[in-house]
Amino acid sequence: MSNKISLALAMAGAISLHAQALNHKIDFPKDSPVSVISEDFGNSNATARGANVIDVNAALSLRNSGQKRIRSMTLMVSTPDAAGKGSVSVPTLDAGPGETFSIHIGTRLVRPLTAGNPSVEVTLDGVLFDDLSFYGPDTLHSQRSMIRWELEAQRDRKYFKTLLATSGPEGLRKEMLSSLARQGDSSQRGVQMVRGRATNIEAEPESQFAFLDIPESPVEASNGRARIGAGMAGAPQFEVRNRSNRPVRHLEVAWIVKDRQGREFLAASMPADMTLVPNQSGQVAQDAALRFDRPISIQSMSGFVSSVEFADGSQWIPSRGALDQTRLRQLINPSPEEQRLSQIYSKKGIQALIDELKKF
């Protein structure tokens, strides 16, 4: 009898873990500059594990149905009740009017168990064009990141084209090899940024940290303080001054952590919304902490202003000259566009890379 009960429970467990088919819907506005040519959700499913675990693995073939070149795009993937929500962004598109391109969606959503097959909806959060104009509701606040990606792409392509003109293919080749080496560096640590007060960090002593000065930055940061403990750093506070002639509404600060062996790595980038008119100073205090994926003995922290958004929505990012400081060059990951270009070189060679740069 007990064997029958065990078998019945095992069968029930197997049924509960059985993957269900996933209903889906793609809902783009009628005036969308992007249209769907084909879709394949064949590898998507949902599994009941106390909640519905929804694995969305889909391939979309899309067409630029507008009049401008598309540079990047963000899609939102959600359940009808918005209990589960994810997104996918493509930062390095170059699709002209009428051209087609593909996007792969790979995300996992979790939502409460409900009757019937689970379903997901794919909507358009934003499209960025080559003139930096934007289409979409920007529900996920993706416009800011998409503009930054395009500014980085323009900056880096200009740098590589100048390098090709001054140093020839061999100079460009050396730069690509250096970029690939940095991308393959395994010394970077996994870091989780935790929002809200962390009681275990509040008991740690407060330490001062310095900011790297980038003279071209429109915002100067100084007098940094943070609480540093075992495997965690948080509660950063610092002063800022708008030294430009334009009002600022947002900035991001990149945090550099140094361990007691003298090794440095870029830990995270923390955003801050604030209003600063020209020459105005202010203070930033954040309820956030950095948690590392493995033990680390932190010796010190430093930071630098990595991007600034002005009141009109335009942005400043550091130039290649500023990033070519020896210290920053080894810490900052290459931009999505630099990664794309380096992969072209890695897979197809220097001539294919040169041909790609000539397209812009």
Foldseek 3Di string as FASTA:
>chain_A
DVVVVVVVVVVVVVVQFDWADEAEAEDEDPPDQKDWDDKDQPVWTWHHDQWTKTWTWMKTKMARQDQFWWAKFKKKKAFPVRQWIDMDIDQGGTHHHGGMDMDIDTDITTGGDDPDGTYMYIYTAWIAGLVRDIDHPVPVVCSLVSLVLNVLLVQVLVVLVVQCVPPNLVSSVVVLVVQVVLVPDPPAFDKDKFAAADVVQVPADKDWAAEDDDPVDQKDKGGWIWGDDKQKIDFIKIKMFRQDQFKFFKWKKWKWWAFPVGDIETQDIDMDTDIHHHGRMDMDTGNMMMGTPDTTHTDHMYIYTAKTATPVGDIDGDHVVSCPPVVNVSHDRRRPNSVVLSVCCVPPNSVSSVVVSVVD
